């Protein structure tokens, strides 16, 4: 048994509900990872510029699979950037316009883009997840590599919109549940598992050497791929069903607890 990649989702998984984690404990674990040639990978639907802010001391050492696999950065170097064709972007935006209650963010390598008509409160709230975000009058001619669109729904219309988006534009972009009644539209075949596969090939690491953690629908492919797949106690039942193990919740530090099991050769990591 060997683990060479530890991949963690962030919201609802690595981070607590107030966007914190036990930094002192994690940094000790990270030293163990470095000493044992284990790659720490942040795999999230969030923007790269937000994700790296959680790891200021080591952001140039670790790996980020951002935007659900649309943008991958390894040790401060761009490894992969997905790109949606301009005509496909227009088709998707036309479909979204049929739902005027939906707020959307178009996500690119350089920045995220939001309609200039949104109110300041909403902009400020989403700015936490997209620290690089620009107000625009329209989403044409952005001069950027666009790889994801985020849709903000509410509890009443979430399931309906998710299903209808799958029917209407699923052949262009794949709608996935990213938690908190949000939907990420991602390019087919581009997901966290695809990102990990690219990195494993880059690092010459075998399939059985991956340990992954998640809680939402956008973690499914990554968890199905990993030999050691962990769903959080707070995860959706569908995520628990495809994971090998269920551990403590994000608020109870489940990820760091499981990494301790690896370090101490306990539970599923016993020789």
C-alpha atoms as a PDB file:
ATOM      1  CA  UNK A   1       0.000   0.000   0.000  1.00  0.00           C
ATOM      2  CA  UNK A   2       1.225   3.458  -0.894  1.00  0.00           C
ATOM      3  CA  UNK A   3      -0.443   6.835  -1.263  1.00  0.00           C
ATOM      4  CA  UNK A   4       1.230   9.373  -3.523  1.00  0.00           C
ATOM      5  CA  UNK A   5      -1.648  11.811  -4.140  1.00  0.00           C
ATOM      6  CA  UNK A   6      -4.009  13.361  -1.576  1.00  0.00           C
ATOM      7  CA  UNK A   7      -6.780  15.275  -3.354  1.00  0.00           C
ATOM      8  CA  UNK A   8      -9.233  17.368  -1.352  1.00  0.00           C
ATOM      9  CA  UNK A   9     -12.354  19.274  -2.251  1.00  0.00           C
ATOM     10  CA  UNK A  10     -12.606  22.501  -0.272  1.00  0.00           C
ATOM     11  CA  UNK A  11     -16.152  23.753   0.536  1.00  0.00           C
ATOM     12  CA  UNK A  12     -17.947  21.242   2.745  1.00  0.00           C
ATOM     13  CA  UNK A  13     -14.889  18.985   2.830  1.00  0.00           C
ATOM     14  CA  UNK A  14     -11.518  20.436   3.807  1.00  0.00           C
ATOM     15  CA  UNK A  15     -12.933  23.716   5.081  1.00  0.00           C
ATOM     16  CA  UNK A  16     -15.338  24.166   7.967  1.00  0.00           C
ATOM     17  CA  UNK A  17     -18.609  26.021   7.471  1.00  0.00           C
ATOM     18  CA  UNK A  18     -16.848  29.285   8.342  1.00  0.00           C
ATOM     19  CA  UNK A  19     -14.077  28.622   5.766  1.00  0.00           C
ATOM     20  CA  UNK A  20     -11.374  27.608   8.233  1.00  0.00           C
ATOM     21  CA  UNK A  21      -9.116  24.606   8.832  1.00  0.00           C
ATOM     22  CA  UNK A  22      -6.624  23.581  11.490  1.00  0.00           C
ATOM     23  CA  UNK A  23      -3.533  25.137   9.901  1.00  0.00           C
ATOM     24  CA  UNK A  24      -1.096  24.041  12.578  1.00  0.00           C
ATOM     25  CA  UNK A  25      -2.140  20.410  12.278  1.00  0.00           C
ATOM     26  CA  UNK A  26      -2.224  20.504   8.500  1.00  0.00           C
ATOM     27  CA  UNK A  27       1.240  22.036   8.164  1.00  0.00           C
ATOM     28  CA  UNK A  28       2.682  19.196  10.258  1.00  0.00           C
ATOM     29  CA  UNK A  29       0.938  16.733   7.970  1.00  0.00           C
ATOM     30  CA  UNK A  30       2.218  18.613   4.932  1.00  0.00           C
ATOM     31  CA  UNK A  31       5.786  18.192   6.155  1.00  0.00           C
ATOM     32  CA  UNK A  32       5.136  14.437   6.257  1.00  0.00           C
ATOM     33  CA  UNK A  33       3.783  14.593   2.692  1.00  0.00           C
ATOM     34  CA  UNK A  34       6.902  16.372   1.450  1.00  0.00           C
ATOM     35  CA  UNK A  35       9.206  13.915   3.222  1.00  0.00           C
ATOM     36  CA  UNK A  36       7.338  10.975   1.657  1.00  0.00           C
ATOM     37  CA  UNK A  37       6.885  12.387  -1.875  1.00  0.00           C
ATOM     38  CA  UNK A  38       3.116  12.738  -1.531  1.00  0.00           C
ATOM     39  CA  UNK A  39       1.471  15.375  -3.722  1.00  0.00           C
ATOM     40  CA  UNK A  40      -1.181  17.526  -2.045  1.00  0.00           C
ATOM     41  CA  UNK A  41      -3.843  18.519  -4.573  1.00  0.00           C
ATOM     42  CA  UNK A  42      -6.633  21.041  -3.999  1.00  0.00           C
ATOM     43  CA  UNK A  43      -9.523  19.969  -6.261  1.00  0.00           C
ATOM     44  CA  UNK A  44     -12.403  22.427  -6.229  1.00  0.00           C
ATOM     45  CA  UNK A  45     -15.043  24.106  -8.339  1.00  0.00           C
ATOM     46  CA  UNK A  46     -13.812  27.461  -7.048  1.00  0.00           C
ATOM     47  CA  UNK A  47     -11.530  29.959  -8.739  1.00  0.00           C
ATOM     48  CA  UNK A  48      -7.791  29.344  -8.630  1.00  0.00           C
ATOM     49  CA  UNK A  49      -7.109  32.804  -7.208  1.00  0.00           C
ATOM     50  CA  UNK A  50      -9.428  32.052  -4.291  1.00  0.00           C
ATOM     51  CA  UNK A  51      -8.054  28.575  -3.617  1.00  0.00           C
ATOM     52  CA  UNK A  52      -4.432  29.617  -3.362  1.00  0.00           C
ATOM     53  CA  UNK A  53      -5.341  32.261  -0.759  1.00  0.00           C
ATOM     54  CA  UNK A  54      -5.993  29.463   1.760  1.00  0.00           C
ATOM     55  CA  UNK A  55      -2.374  28.267   1.512  1.00  0.00           C
ATOM     56  CA  UNK A  56      -0.238  31.429   1.400  1.00  0.00           C
ATOM     57  CA  UNK A  57       2.942  29.738   2.677  1.00  0.00           C
ATOM     58  CA  UNK A  58       2.882  26.841   0.228  1.00  0.00           C
ATOM     59  CA  UNK A  59       0.764  28.023  -2.719  1.00  0.00           C
ATOM     60  CA  UNK A  60       3.767  27.784  -5.060  1.00  0.00           C
ATOM     61  CA  UNK A  61       4.566  24.240  -3.904  1.00  0.00           C
ATOM     62  CA  UNK A  62       1.209  22.481  -4.145  1.00  0.00           C
ATOM     63  CA  UNK A  63      -1.198  21.702  -6.979  1.00  0.00           C
ATOM     64  CA  UNK A  64      -4.584  23.215  -7.772  1.00  0.00           C
ATOM     65  CA  UNK A  65      -7.307  21.640  -9.868  1.00  0.00           C
ATOM     66  CA  UNK A  66      -9.543  24.697 -10.021  1.00  0.00           C
ATOM     67  CA  UNK A  67     -12.919  25.333 -11.673  1.00  0.00           C
ATOM     68  CA  UNK A  68     -13.785  21.601 -11.568  1.00  0.00           C
ATOM     69  CA  UNK A  69     -10.772  20.714 -13.680  1.00  0.00           C
ATOM     70  CA  UNK A  70     -10.951  23.622 -16.107  1.00  0.00           C
ATOM     71  CA  UNK A  71      -7.703  25.167 -14.874  1.00  0.00           C
ATOM     72  CA  UNK A  72      -4.786  23.213 -13.401  1.00  0.00           C
ATOM     73  CA  UNK A  73      -1.719  24.801 -11.813  1.00  0.00           C
ATOM     74  CA  UNK A  74       1.180  22.726 -10.475  1.00  0.00           C
ATOM     75  CA  UNK A  75       3.892  24.435  -8.437  1.00  0.00           C
ATOM     76  CA  UNK A  76       2.903  27.859  -9.818  1.00  0.00           C
ATOM     77  CA  UNK A  77       2.965  26.647 -13.451  1.00  0.00           C
ATOM     78  CA  UNK A  78      -0.069  26.376 -15.736  1.00  0.00           C
ATOM     79  CA  UNK A  79      -0.533  22.734 -16.715  1.00  0.00           C
ATOM     80  CA  UNK A  80      -3.947  22.707 -18.365  1.00  0.00           C
ATOM     81  CA  UNK A  81      -6.500  25.290 -19.476  1.00  0.00           C
ATOM     82  CA  UNK A  82      -9.793  24.137 -20.977  1.00  0.00           C
ATOM     83  CA  UNK A  83     -11.588  26.359 -23.501  1.00  0.00           C
ATOM     84  CA  UNK A  84     -15.193  26.517 -24.697  1.00  0.00           C
ATOM     85  CA  UNK A  85     -15.764  27.580 -28.293  1.00  0.00           C
ATOM     86  CA  UNK A  86     -17.328  31.023 -28.745  1.00  0.00           C
ATOM     87  CA  UNK A  87     -20.358  29.677 -30.610  1.00  0.00           C
ATOM     88  CA  UNK A  88     -20.946  27.068 -27.910  1.00  0.00           C
ATOM     89  CA  UNK A  89     -20.772  29.730 -25.217  1.00  0.00           C
ATOM     90  CA  UNK A  90     -23.452  31.703 -27.050  1.00  0.00           C
ATOM     91  CA  UNK A  91     -25.729  28.651 -27.255  1.00  0.00           C
ATOM     92  CA  UNK A  92     -25.382  27.993 -23.530  1.00  0.00           C
ATOM     93  CA  UNK A  93     -25.997  31.623 -22.602  1.00  0.00           C
ATOM     94  CA  UNK A  94     -29.112  31.679 -24.788  1.00  0.00           C
ATOM     95  CA  UNK A  95     -30.455  28.637 -22.908  1.00  0.00           C
ATOM     96  CA  UNK A  96     -29.746  30.243 -19.530  1.00  0.00           C
ATOM     97  CA  UNK A  97     -31.580  33.421 -20.552  1.00  0.00           C
ATOM     98  CA  UNK A  98     -34.809  31.407 -20.488  1.00  0.00           C
ATOM     99  CA  UNK A  99     -34.502  31.471 -16.682  1.00  0.00           C
ATOM    100  CA  UNK A 100     -34.409  35.172 -15.709  1.00  0.00           C
ATOM    101  CA  UNK A 101     -34.299  34.253 -11.998  1.00  0.00           C
ATOM    102  CA  UNK A 102     -30.854  32.672 -12.398  1.00  0.00           C
ATOM    103  CA  UNK A 103     -27.726  34.694 -11.697  1.00  0.00           C
ATOM    104  CA  UNK A 104     -24.674  33.508 -13.613  1.00  0.00           C
ATOM    105  CA  UNK A 105     -20.913  33.907 -13.529  1.00  0.00           C
ATOM    106  CA  UNK A 106     -18.849  33.114 -16.611  1.00  0.00           C
ATOM    107  CA  UNK A 107     -15.453  31.764 -15.560  1.00  0.00           C
ATOM    108  CA  UNK A 108     -12.187  32.153 -17.459  1.00  0.00           C
ATOM    109  CA  UNK A 109      -8.461  31.825 -16.916  1.00  0.00           C
ATOM    110  CA  UNK A 110      -7.900  35.569 -16.491  1.00  0.00           C
ATOM    111  CA  UNK A 111     -11.043  36.427 -14.546  1.00  0.00           C
ATOM    112  CA  UNK A 112     -14.646  35.632 -13.766  1.00  0.00           C
ATOM    113  CA  UNK A 113     -17.346  37.802 -15.327  1.00  0.00           C
ATOM    114  CA  UNK A 114     -20.718  38.856 -13.945  1.00  0.00           C
ATOM    115  CA  UNK A 115     -23.456  41.053 -15.352  1.00  0.00           C
ATOM    116  CA  UNK A 116     -23.090  44.706 -14.407  1.00  0.00           C
ATOM    117  CA  UNK A 117     -26.747  44.820 -13.314  1.00  0.00           C
ATOM    118  CA  UNK A 118     -26.263  42.637 -10.198  1.00  0.00           C
ATOM    119  CA  UNK A 119     -26.555  44.433  -6.883  1.00  0.00           C
ATOM    120  CA  UNK A 120     -23.527  45.176  -4.732  1.00  0.00           C
ATOM    121  CA  UNK A 121     -24.521  42.755  -1.967  1.00  0.00           C
ATOM    122  CA  UNK A 122     -24.603  39.804  -4.364  1.00  0.00           C
ATOM    123  CA  UNK A 123     -21.365  40.875  -6.025  1.00  0.00           C
ATOM    124  CA  UNK A 124     -19.595  41.169  -2.674  1.00  0.00           C
ATOM    125  CA  UNK A 125     -20.864  37.770  -1.523  1.00  0.00           C
ATOM    126  CA  UNK A 126     -19.688  36.005  -4.684  1.00  0.00           C
ATOM    127  CA  UNK A 127     -16.452  37.974  -4.711  1.00  0.00           C
ATOM    128  CA  UNK A 128     -15.248  35.744  -1.865  1.00  0.00           C
ATOM    129  CA  UNK A 129     -15.334  32.737  -4.207  1.00  0.00           C
ATOM    130  CA  UNK A 130     -14.198  34.734  -7.252  1.00  0.00           C
ATOM    131  CA  UNK A 131     -11.665  37.325  -6.043  1.00  0.00           C
ATOM    132  CA  UNK A 132     -10.915  38.130  -9.679  1.00  0.00           C
ATOM    133  CA  UNK A 133     -14.317  39.134 -11.033  1.00  0.00           C
ATOM    134  CA  UNK A 134     -15.337  41.869 -13.455  1.00  0.00           C
ATOM    135  CA  UNK A 135     -18.708  43.445 -14.149  1.00  0.00           C
ATOM    136  CA  UNK A 136     -19.560  43.360 -17.855  1.00  0.00           C
ATOM    137  CA  UNK A 137     -22.467  44.574 -19.985  1.00  0.00           C
ATOM    138  CA  UNK A 138     -22.517  41.279 -21.930  1.00  0.00           C
ATOM    139  CA  UNK A 139     -20.507  38.077 -22.217  1.00  0.00           C
ATOM    140  CA  UNK A 140     -19.313  38.423 -25.808  1.00  0.00           C
ATOM    141  CA  UNK A 141     -15.713  39.079 -26.845  1.00  0.00           C
ATOM    142  CA  UNK A 142     -14.276  38.498 -23.375  1.00  0.00           C
ATOM    143  CA  UNK A 143     -10.792  37.733 -24.739  1.00  0.00           C
ATOM    144  CA  UNK A 144     -10.328  34.899 -22.275  1.00  0.00           C
ATOM    145  CA  UNK A 145     -10.314  31.095 -22.158  1.00  0.00           C
ATOM    146  CA  UNK A 146     -13.805  30.306 -20.851  1.00  0.00           C
ATOM    147  CA  UNK A 147     -14.168  26.908 -19.216  1.00  0.00           C
ATOM    148  CA  UNK A 148     -17.058  27.074 -16.736  1.00  0.00           C
ATOM    149  CA  UNK A 149     -20.326  28.859 -15.980  1.00  0.00           C
ATOM    150  CA  UNK A 150     -21.719  29.030 -12.454  1.00  0.00           C
ATOM    151  CA  UNK A 151     -25.482  29.268 -11.933  1.00  0.00           C
ATOM    152  CA  UNK A 152     -26.953  30.457  -8.650  1.00  0.00           C
ATOM    153  CA  UNK A 153     -30.337  28.842  -7.975  1.00  0.00           C
ATOM    154  CA  UNK A 154     -32.545  28.493  -4.921  1.00  0.00           C
ATOM    155  CA  UNK A 155     -33.997  25.468  -3.180  1.00  0.00           C
ATOM    156  CA  UNK A 156     -37.345  25.740  -4.959  1.00  0.00           C
ATOM    157  CA  UNK A 157     -36.041  25.723  -8.521  1.00  0.00           C
ATOM    158  CA  UNK A 158     -32.722  23.867  -8.189  1.00  0.00           C
ATOM    159  CA  UNK A 159     -33.769  20.332  -9.198  1.00  0.00           C
ATOM    160  CA  UNK A 160     -35.911  21.566 -12.073  1.00  0.00           C
ATOM    161  CA  UNK A 161     -33.178  23.753 -13.532  1.00  0.00           C
ATOM    162  CA  UNK A 162     -30.502  21.077 -13.081  1.00  0.00           C
ATOM    163  CA  UNK A 163     -32.583  18.505 -14.973  1.00  0.00           C
ATOM    164  CA  UNK A 164     -33.676  20.894 -17.699  1.00  0.00           C
ATOM    165  CA  UNK A 165     -30.130  22.090 -18.260  1.00  0.00           C
ATOM    166  CA  UNK A 166     -29.024  18.481 -18.726  1.00  0.00           C
ATOM    167  CA  UNK A 167     -31.658  18.069 -21.433  1.00  0.00           C
ATOM    168  CA  UNK A 168     -31.081  21.386 -23.203  1.00  0.00           C
ATOM    169  CA  UNK A 169     -27.320  21.881 -23.161  1.00  0.00           C
ATOM    170  CA  UNK A 170     -25.859  18.660 -21.757  1.00  0.00           C
ATOM    171  CA  UNK A 171     -24.216  17.929 -25.103  1.00  0.00           C
ATOM    172  CA  UNK A 172     -22.290  21.214 -24.860  1.00  0.00           C
ATOM    173  CA  UNK A 173     -21.672  21.620 -21.116  1.00  0.00           C
ATOM    174  CA  UNK A 174     -22.287  19.157 -18.296  1.00  0.00           C
ATOM    175  CA  UNK A 175     -24.400  20.533 -15.398  1.00  0.00           C
ATOM    176  CA  UNK A 176     -23.197  19.325 -11.989  1.00  0.00           C
ATOM    177  CA  UNK A 177     -24.394  20.027  -8.467  1.00  0.00           C
ATOM    178  CA  UNK A 178     -21.637  21.996  -6.737  1.00  0.00           C
ATOM    179  CA  UNK A 179     -23.467  22.413  -3.404  1.00  0.00           C
ATOM    180  CA  UNK A 180     -25.519  25.178  -1.805  1.00  0.00           C
ATOM    181  CA  UNK A 181     -28.042  25.074  -4.698  1.00  0.00           C
ATOM    182  CA  UNK A 182     -25.377  26.044  -7.190  1.00  0.00           C
ATOM    183  CA  UNK A 183     -24.807  24.448 -10.598  1.00  0.00           C
ATOM    184  CA  UNK A 184     -21.492  24.371 -12.412  1.00  0.00           C
ATOM    185  CA  UNK A 185     -21.664  24.003 -16.185  1.00  0.00           C
ATOM    186  CA  UNK A 186     -18.424  22.349 -17.254  1.00  0.00           C
ATOM    187  CA  UNK A 187     -17.044  21.144 -20.579  1.00  0.00           C
ATOM    188  CA  UNK A 188     -17.815  17.415 -21.081  1.00  0.00           C
ATOM    189  CA  UNK A 189     -14.925  15.241 -19.966  1.00  0.00           C
ATOM    190  CA  UNK A 190     -13.410  18.067 -17.936  1.00  0.00           C
ATOM    191  CA  UNK A 191     -13.741  17.281 -14.239  1.00  0.00           C
ATOM    192  CA  UNK A 192     -11.646  16.704 -11.150  1.00  0.00           C
ATOM    193  CA  UNK A 193     -10.914  13.088 -12.089  1.00  0.00           C
ATOM    194  CA  UNK A 194      -9.647  14.168 -15.511  1.00  0.00           C
ATOM    195  CA  UNK A 195      -7.375  16.656 -13.784  1.00  0.00           C
ATOM    196  CA  UNK A 196      -5.985  14.040 -11.417  1.00  0.00           C
ATOM    197  CA  UNK A 197      -5.382  11.671 -14.326  1.00  0.00           C
ATOM    198  CA  UNK A 198      -3.342  14.321 -16.143  1.00  0.00           C
ATOM    199  CA  UNK A 199      -1.280  14.896 -13.014  1.00  0.00           C
ATOM    200  CA  UNK A 200      -0.722  11.185 -12.407  1.00  0.00           C
ATOM    201  CA  UNK A 201       0.632  10.852 -15.938  1.00  0.00           C
ATOM    202  CA  UNK A 202       2.820  13.892 -15.357  1.00  0.00           C
ATOM    203  CA  UNK A 203       4.153  12.429 -12.106  1.00  0.00           C
ATOM    204  CA  UNK A 204       4.194   8.777 -13.267  1.00  0.00           C
ATOM    205  CA  UNK A 205       1.908   7.678 -10.425  1.00  0.00           C
ATOM    206  CA  UNK A 206      -0.292   4.561 -10.494  1.00  0.00           C
ATOM    207  CA  UNK A 207      -4.091   4.593 -10.162  1.00  0.00           C
ATOM    208  CA  UNK A 208      -4.057   2.811  -6.818  1.00  0.00           C
ATOM    209  CA  UNK A 209      -1.996   5.547  -5.141  1.00  0.00           C
ATOM    210  CA  UNK A 210      -4.747   8.185  -4.849  1.00  0.00           C
ATOM    211  CA  UNK A 211      -6.609   9.305  -1.723  1.00  0.00           C
ATOM    212  CA  UNK A 212      -9.550  11.666  -2.360  1.00  0.00           C
ATOM    213  CA  UNK A 213     -12.152  13.519  -0.286  1.00  0.00           C
ATOM    214  CA  UNK A 214     -15.464  15.123  -1.268  1.00  0.00           C
ATOM    215  CA  UNK A 215     -19.058  15.922  -0.400  1.00  0.00           C
ATOM    216  CA  UNK A 216     -20.932  17.024  -3.551  1.00  0.00           C
ATOM    217  CA  UNK A 217     -21.870  15.912  -7.046  1.00  0.00           C
ATOM    218  CA  UNK A 218     -18.862  17.568  -8.625  1.00  0.00           C
ATOM    219  CA  UNK A 219     -16.628  15.202  -6.607  1.00  0.00           C
ATOM    220  CA  UNK A 220     -18.233  12.032  -7.944  1.00  0.00           C
ATOM    221  CA  UNK A 221     -15.803  11.165 -10.759  1.00  0.00           C
ATOM    222  CA  UNK A 222     -12.804  11.867  -8.525  1.00  0.00           C
ATOM    223  CA  UNK A 223     -14.152   9.640  -5.765  1.00  0.00           C
ATOM    224  CA  UNK A 224     -15.046   6.846  -8.167  1.00  0.00           C
ATOM    225  CA  UNK A 225     -11.522   6.939  -9.565  1.00  0.00           C
ATOM    226  CA  UNK A 226      -9.610   6.998  -6.266  1.00  0.00           C
ATOM    227  CA  UNK A 227      -8.546   3.800  -4.496  1.00  0.00           C
ATOM    228  CA  UNK A 228      -9.102   5.485  -1.129  1.00  0.00           C
ATOM    229  CA  UNK A 229     -12.283   7.542  -1.540  1.00  0.00           C
ATOM    230  CA  UNK A 230     -13.751   9.366   1.445  1.00  0.00           C
ATOM    231  CA  UNK A 231     -17.175  11.006   1.690  1.00  0.00           C
ATOM    232  CA  UNK A 232     -17.743  13.442   4.523  1.00  0.00           C
ATOM    233  CA  UNK A 233     -20.478  12.773   7.076  1.00  0.00           C
ATOM    234  CA  UNK A 234     -22.203  15.883   5.727  1.00  0.00           C
ATOM    235  CA  UNK A 235     -21.978  14.645   2.119  1.00  0.00           C
ATOM    236  CA  UNK A 236     -24.981  13.925  -0.052  1.00  0.00           C
ATOM    237  CA  UNK A 237     -26.198  10.333   0.133  1.00  0.00           C
ATOM    238  CA  UNK A 238     -25.358   9.809  -3.546  1.00  0.00           C
ATOM    239  CA  UNK A 239     -21.743  10.766  -2.790  1.00  0.00           C
ATOM    240  CA  UNK A 240     -21.559   8.411   0.184  1.00  0.00           C
ATOM    241  CA  UNK A 241     -22.923   5.615  -1.978  1.00  0.00           C
ATOM    242  CA  UNK A 242     -20.024   5.765  -4.456  1.00  0.00           C
ATOM    243  CA  UNK A 243     -17.283   6.323  -1.836  1.00  0.00           C
ATOM    244  CA  UNK A 244     -15.473   3.484  -0.098  1.00  0.00           C
ATOM    245  CA  UNK A 245     -15.494   5.219   3.276  1.00  0.00           C
ATOM    246  CA  UNK A 246     -17.543   7.814   5.148  1.00  0.00           C
ATOM    247  CA  UNK A 247     -15.695   9.886   7.752  1.00  0.00           C
ATOM    248  CA  UNK A 248     -16.347  12.747  10.167  1.00  0.00           C
ATOM    249  CA  UNK A 249     -17.880  15.942   8.849  1.00  0.00           C
ATOM    250  CA  UNK A 250     -16.002  18.956   7.530  1.00  0.00           C
ATOM    251  CA  UNK A 251     -16.754  20.800  10.783  1.00  0.00           C
ATOM    252  CA  UNK A 252     -15.222  17.933  12.775  1.00  0.00           C
ATOM    253  CA  UNK A 253     -11.989  17.872  10.787  1.00  0.00           C
ATOM    254  CA  UNK A 254     -12.638  14.595   8.981  1.00  0.00           C
ATOM    255  CA  UNK A 255     -10.007  15.131   6.274  1.00  0.00           C
ATOM    256  CA  UNK A 256      -7.144  15.832   8.662  1.00  0.00           C
ATOM    257  CA  UNK A 257      -8.244  12.911  10.838  1.00  0.00           C
ATOM    258  CA  UNK A 258      -8.029  10.544   7.865  1.00  0.00           C
ATOM    259  CA  UNK A 259      -4.622  11.903   6.867  1.00  0.00           C
ATOM    260  CA  UNK A 260      -3.492  11.109  10.411  1.00  0.00           C
ATOM    261  CA  UNK A 261      -4.646   7.515   9.836  1.00  0.00           C
ATOM    262  CA  UNK A 262      -2.383   7.392   6.794  1.00  0.00           C
ATOM    263  CA  UNK A 263       0.572   8.818   8.692  1.00  0.00           C
ATOM    264  CA  UNK A 264       0.078   6.499  11.677  1.00  0.00           C
ATOM    265  CA  UNK A 265      -0.869   3.448   9.554  1.00  0.00           C
ATOM    266  CA  UNK A 266      -4.257   3.108  11.213  1.00  0.00           C
ATOM    267  CA  UNK A 267      -7.668   1.801  10.046  1.00  0.00           C
ATOM    268  CA  UNK A 268      -7.687   1.171   6.269  1.00  0.00           C
ATOM    269  CA  UNK A 269      -3.965   1.984   6.049  1.00  0.00           C
ATOM    270  CA  UNK A 270      -2.771  -0.761   8.384  1.00  0.00           C
ATOM    271  CA  UNK A 271      -0.179  -3.047   6.799  1.00  0.00           C
END
